[in-house]
Amino acid sequence: MAIKKGTVRSLVILVILAAGLIGVFVYKRFSERNSLARQIAELSPRGAPPQGIEDLRRAIALYEKKIENHVRDAAQTGVYWKILGSRLMDKELYGEALEALEQAAKYYPEDESVHYLIGLSSGILAASDYFSQAEAASYFRTSEQAYLRAIDIDPRYAKALYGVSVLYVFELERPAEAVPHLVNFLDINKSDTDAMFLLARAYYMTENYEAAVGLYDRIISVTKDPEKKAQAGANKQQVMDRWYG
């Protein structure tokens, strides 16, 4: 969808302002953390970080609240980066979105949704016409790794299971690697006919014709959408023609 120049200019200004505010916030907190480190170091007679157990306990007791505040502030910074990345994706500014989301991942490395969004935005960038073959391949690698990281964090995270499967089937031409992810996806969303179509295509590409026919029969039996029913029937016939030669 085309975006008017005025809208793009406003979004760029918004991104610059948001990045500036985040930068000031992070710099301020960084300075405070340095000050905190110096104060803790002063607890030691030699001005070094406390080494003994009792010295460490005393330092923690004195500065536990400040440390908690720093952790909370860092977490909030991660939330801001994630929100900024999501808003930029909504405006189809995927390059800027990817940069923001990668910042969010530094604060939330165990957040599967952040990695999923990185996979989605980098995959969209890779499939565009704006980059060289080498650049597109790099974005595809980023996309695959992000999806797989999300799945590693939560093996039942359906969005990432489906996203990496689309990547394997349509972009990377590695359909065999999509199969286990789609099987897991359909174990979670048993009536998702779009996933059934995708898995049937993966089976067809890997010459597992029997499994592909079975899935098209399953689609025909469960869907109430006449177009999907007709498409499944046509695809089934195509598979059978290839199967029986």
Protein backbone atom coordinates (compact mmCIF):
# COMPACT_ATOMS: atom_id res chain seq x y z
CA MET A 1 0.00 0.00 0.00
CA ALA A 2 1.46 3.40 -0.96
CA ILE A 3 2.12 5.90 1.82
CA LYS A 4 1.87 9.64 1.16
CA LYS A 5 5.10 11.64 1.36
CA GLY A 6 3.72 13.75 4.20
CA THR A 7 2.89 10.64 6.18
CA VAL A 8 6.36 9.19 5.62
CA ARG A 9 7.94 12.49 6.70
CA SER A 10 5.82 12.52 9.86
CA LEU A 11 6.76 8.93 10.62
CA VAL A 12 10.46 9.65 10.11
CA ILE A 13 10.21 12.60 12.51
CA LEU A 14 8.36 10.37 14.99
CA VAL A 15 11.05 7.71 14.76
CA ILE A 16 13.84 10.27 15.20
CA LEU A 17 12.12 11.80 18.23
CA ALA A 18 11.42 8.40 19.75
CA ALA A 19 14.98 7.25 19.16
CA GLY A 20 16.28 10.48 20.65
CA LEU A 21 14.16 10.14 23.76
CA ILE A 22 15.20 6.53 24.18
CA GLY A 23 18.84 7.52 23.68
CA VAL A 24 18.61 10.21 26.37
CA PHE A 25 16.86 7.78 28.70
CA VAL A 26 19.46 5.07 28.15
CA TYR A 27 22.37 7.53 28.54
CA LYS A 28 20.92 8.83 31.78
CA ARG A 29 20.50 5.34 33.17
CA PHE A 30 23.97 4.36 31.97
CA SER A 31 25.44 7.31 33.84
CA GLU A 32 23.47 6.40 36.94
CA ARG A 33 24.69 2.81 36.73
CA ASN A 34 28.30 4.01 36.52
CA SER A 35 27.69 6.18 39.57
CA LEU A 36 26.14 3.21 41.36
CA ALA A 37 29.15 1.04 40.48
CA ARG A 38 31.50 3.67 41.90
CA GLN A 39 29.51 3.92 45.09
CA ILE A 40 29.61 0.16 45.56
CA ALA A 41 33.34 0.10 44.86
CA GLU A 42 33.86 2.68 47.61
CA LEU A 43 32.61 0.16 50.17
CA SER A 44 35.91 -1.67 49.78
CA PRO A 45 38.91 -0.24 51.65
CA ARG A 46 40.94 -0.29 48.41
CA GLY A 47 38.22 1.26 46.30
CA ALA A 48 37.68 -1.96 44.34
CA PRO A 49 34.45 -3.96 44.01
CA PRO A 50 33.69 -5.74 47.31
CA GLN A 51 35.18 -9.24 47.36
CA GLY A 52 34.23 -10.78 50.68
CA ILE A 53 30.83 -12.34 51.33
CA GLU A 54 30.00 -9.89 54.11
CA ASP A 55 31.09 -6.92 51.98
CA LEU A 56 28.88 -8.11 49.16
CA ARG A 57 25.93 -8.61 51.49
CA ARG A 58 26.41 -5.10 52.88
CA ALA A 59 26.59 -3.64 49.36
CA ILE A 60 23.46 -5.48 48.30
CA ALA A 61 21.57 -4.36 51.39
CA LEU A 62 22.53 -0.75 50.77
CA TYR A 63 21.83 -0.67 47.04
CA GLU A 64 19.25 -3.40 46.44
CA LYS A 65 16.47 -0.91 45.82
CA LYS A 66 18.58 1.06 43.33
CA ILE A 67 19.50 -2.14 41.52
CA GLU A 68 15.83 -3.11 41.32
CA ASN A 69 15.05 0.30 39.84
CA HIS A 70 17.76 -0.13 37.20
CA VAL A 71 16.38 -3.54 36.24
CA ARG A 72 12.86 -2.13 36.01
CA ASP A 73 14.03 0.83 33.92
CA ALA A 74 15.88 -1.49 31.52
CA ALA A 75 12.77 -3.62 31.15
CA GLN A 76 10.69 -0.54 30.37
CA THR A 77 13.20 0.52 27.72
CA GLY A 78 12.76 -2.89 26.08
CA VAL A 79 8.99 -2.41 26.06
CA TYR A 80 9.38 0.96 24.31
CA TRP A 81 11.58 -0.57 21.60
CA LYS A 82 9.06 -3.36 21.05
CA ILE A 83 6.15 -0.93 20.79
CA LEU A 84 8.12 1.26 18.36
CA GLY A 85 8.96 -1.78 16.23
CA SER A 86 5.33 -2.88 16.13
CA ARG A 87 4.11 0.59 15.15
CA LEU A 88 6.69 0.82 12.37
CA MET A 89 5.58 -2.58 11.05
CA ASP A 90 1.99 -1.31 11.00
CA LYS A 91 3.22 1.50 8.73
CA GLU A 92 5.14 -1.00 6.56
CA LEU A 93 8.49 0.56 7.51
CA TYR A 94 10.10 -2.83 7.94
CA GLY A 95 13.75 -1.78 7.90
CA GLU A 96 13.28 0.68 10.77
CA ALA A 97 11.04 -1.84 12.51
CA LEU A 98 13.70 -4.53 12.34
CA GLU A 99 16.27 -2.21 13.94
CA ALA A 100 13.88 -1.36 16.79
CA LEU A 101 12.93 -5.00 17.36
CA GLU A 102 16.56 -6.08 17.46
CA GLN A 103 17.06 -3.51 20.22
CA ALA A 104 14.04 -4.93 22.05
CA ALA A 105 15.54 -8.42 21.82
CA LYS A 106 18.61 -7.20 23.72
CA TYR A 107 16.37 -6.37 26.66
CA TYR A 108 14.01 -9.33 26.21
CA PRO A 109 16.07 -12.21 24.77
CA GLU A 110 13.51 -14.76 26.02
CA ASP A 111 10.43 -13.06 24.53
CA GLU A 112 9.28 -15.31 21.70
CA SER A 113 6.96 -12.63 20.28
CA VAL A 114 9.89 -10.24 19.73
CA HIS A 115 11.82 -12.92 17.83
CA TYR A 116 8.71 -13.75 15.79
CA LEU A 117 8.34 -10.10 14.77
CA ILE A 118 12.01 -9.98 13.81
CA GLY A 119 11.46 -13.07 11.66
CA LEU A 120 8.40 -11.55 10.02
CA SER A 121 9.90 -8.13 9.28
CA SER A 122 13.22 -9.48 7.98
CA GLY A 123 11.38 -12.03 5.83
CA ILE A 124 9.31 -9.28 4.25
CA LEU A 125 12.46 -7.25 3.59
CA ALA A 126 14.17 -10.26 1.99
CA ALA A 127 11.25 -10.87 -0.35
CA SER A 128 11.16 -7.26 -1.55
CA ASP A 129 12.84 -5.96 -4.70
CA TYR A 130 15.04 -3.41 -2.95
CA PHE A 131 18.05 -5.55 -2.10
CA SER A 132 20.76 -7.50 -3.87
CA GLN A 133 20.72 -11.27 -3.84
CA ALA A 134 23.36 -11.34 -1.11
CA GLU A 135 21.46 -8.84 1.03
CA ALA A 136 18.21 -10.77 0.57
CA ALA A 137 19.95 -14.00 1.58
CA SER A 138 21.20 -12.28 4.74
CA TYR A 139 17.69 -11.11 5.62
CA PHE A 140 16.34 -14.62 4.98
CA ARG A 141 18.95 -16.04 7.38
CA THR A 142 17.94 -13.49 9.99
CA SER A 143 14.29 -14.41 9.48
CA GLU A 144 14.89 -18.14 9.79
CA GLN A 145 17.06 -17.77 12.88
CA ALA A 146 14.53 -15.50 14.58
CA TYR A 147 11.62 -17.86 13.92
CA LEU A 148 13.63 -20.82 15.17
CA ARG A 149 14.65 -18.89 18.28
CA ALA A 150 10.99 -18.15 19.01
CA ILE A 151 10.17 -21.85 18.62
CA ASP A 152 13.11 -22.79 20.83
CA ILE A 153 11.69 -20.54 23.56
CA ASP A 154 8.13 -21.84 23.09
CA PRO A 155 7.82 -25.01 20.95
CA ARG A 156 4.05 -24.43 20.68
CA TYR A 157 4.22 -20.81 19.53
CA ALA A 158 1.93 -21.21 16.53
CA LYS A 159 2.77 -17.95 14.74
CA ALA A 160 6.46 -18.83 14.56
CA LEU A 161 5.72 -22.42 13.50
CA TYR A 162 3.62 -21.15 10.60
CA GLY A 163 5.98 -18.28 9.73
CA VAL A 164 9.08 -20.44 9.38
CA SER A 165 7.08 -22.98 7.36
CA VAL A 166 6.03 -20.34 4.84
CA LEU A 167 9.69 -19.31 4.63
CA TYR A 168 10.86 -22.88 3.96
CA VAL A 169 8.16 -23.68 1.38
CA PHE A 170 7.92 -20.47 -0.64
CA GLU A 171 11.22 -18.66 -0.19
CA LEU A 172 14.03 -21.07 0.70
CA GLU A 173 12.71 -24.11 -1.21
CA ARG A 174 13.42 -26.43 1.70
CA PRO A 175 9.94 -27.94 2.13
CA ALA A 176 11.12 -31.00 4.06
CA GLU A 177 12.14 -28.70 6.93
CA ALA A 178 8.66 -27.17 7.01
CA VAL A 179 6.90 -30.50 7.53
CA PRO A 180 7.59 -31.06 11.27
CA HIS A 181 6.73 -27.45 12.09
CA LEU A 182 3.42 -27.68 10.23
CA VAL A 183 2.59 -30.99 11.85
CA ASN A 184 3.13 -29.33 15.23
CA PHE A 185 1.07 -26.32 14.15
CA LEU A 186 -1.85 -28.53 13.13
CA ASP A 187 -1.61 -30.40 16.40
CA ILE A 188 -2.39 -27.03 18.02
CA ASN A 189 -4.81 -25.68 15.38
CA LYS A 190 -6.41 -28.83 14.03
CA SER A 191 -8.94 -27.14 11.74
CA ASP A 192 -6.66 -24.55 10.11
CA THR A 193 -7.14 -25.26 6.42
CA ASP A 194 -4.50 -22.74 5.32
CA ALA A 195 -1.89 -24.74 7.22
CA MET A 196 -3.27 -27.93 5.66
CA PHE A 197 -2.83 -26.45 2.19
CA LEU A 198 0.72 -25.43 3.06
CA LEU A 199 1.59 -28.85 4.46
CA ALA A 200 0.04 -30.58 1.44
CA ARG A 201 2.20 -28.41 -0.80
CA ALA A 202 5.29 -29.36 1.21
CA TYR A 203 4.39 -33.04 0.85
CA TYR A 204 3.89 -32.58 -2.88
CA MET A 205 7.26 -30.84 -3.25
CA THR A 206 8.97 -33.69 -1.39
CA GLU A 207 7.11 -36.29 -3.52
CA ASN A 208 5.11 -37.64 -0.59
CA TYR A 209 2.05 -37.81 -2.79
CA GLU A 210 0.02 -40.11 -0.57
CA ALA A 211 0.27 -37.74 2.37
CA ALA A 212 -0.61 -34.77 0.14
CA VAL A 213 -3.75 -36.50 -1.19
CA GLY A 214 -4.77 -37.38 2.35
CA LEU A 215 -4.52 -33.76 3.41
CA TYR A 216 -6.56 -32.52 0.46
CA ASP A 217 -9.24 -35.08 1.36
CA ARG A 218 -9.13 -33.76 4.92
CA ILE A 219 -9.60 -30.18 3.69
CA ILE A 220 -12.55 -31.21 1.53
CA SER A 221 -14.18 -32.94 4.48
CA VAL A 222 -13.75 -30.12 7.04
CA THR A 223 -14.08 -26.85 5.12
CA LYS A 224 -17.38 -25.11 4.48
CA ASP A 225 -15.78 -22.66 2.07
CA PRO A 226 -16.76 -23.71 -1.47
CA GLU A 227 -13.69 -22.05 -2.99
CA LYS A 228 -11.32 -23.89 -0.68
CA LYS A 229 -13.17 -27.13 -1.32
CA ALA A 230 -12.84 -26.65 -5.07
CA GLN A 231 -9.17 -25.68 -4.77
CA ALA A 232 -8.43 -28.74 -2.65
CA GLY A 233 -10.15 -30.95 -5.22
CA ALA A 234 -8.16 -29.45 -8.10
CA ASN A 235 -4.89 -29.77 -6.17
CA LYS A 236 -5.68 -33.37 -5.30
CA GLN A 237 -6.21 -34.20 -8.95
CA GLN A 238 -2.89 -32.56 -9.85
CA VAL A 239 -1.10 -34.65 -7.22
CA MET A 240 -2.76 -37.86 -8.41
CA ASP A 241 -1.82 -37.12 -12.02
CA ARG A 242 1.81 -36.77 -10.95
CA TRP A 243 1.57 -39.78 -8.62
CA TYR A 244 0.20 -42.19 -11.21
CA GLY A 245 1.97 -40.60 -14.15
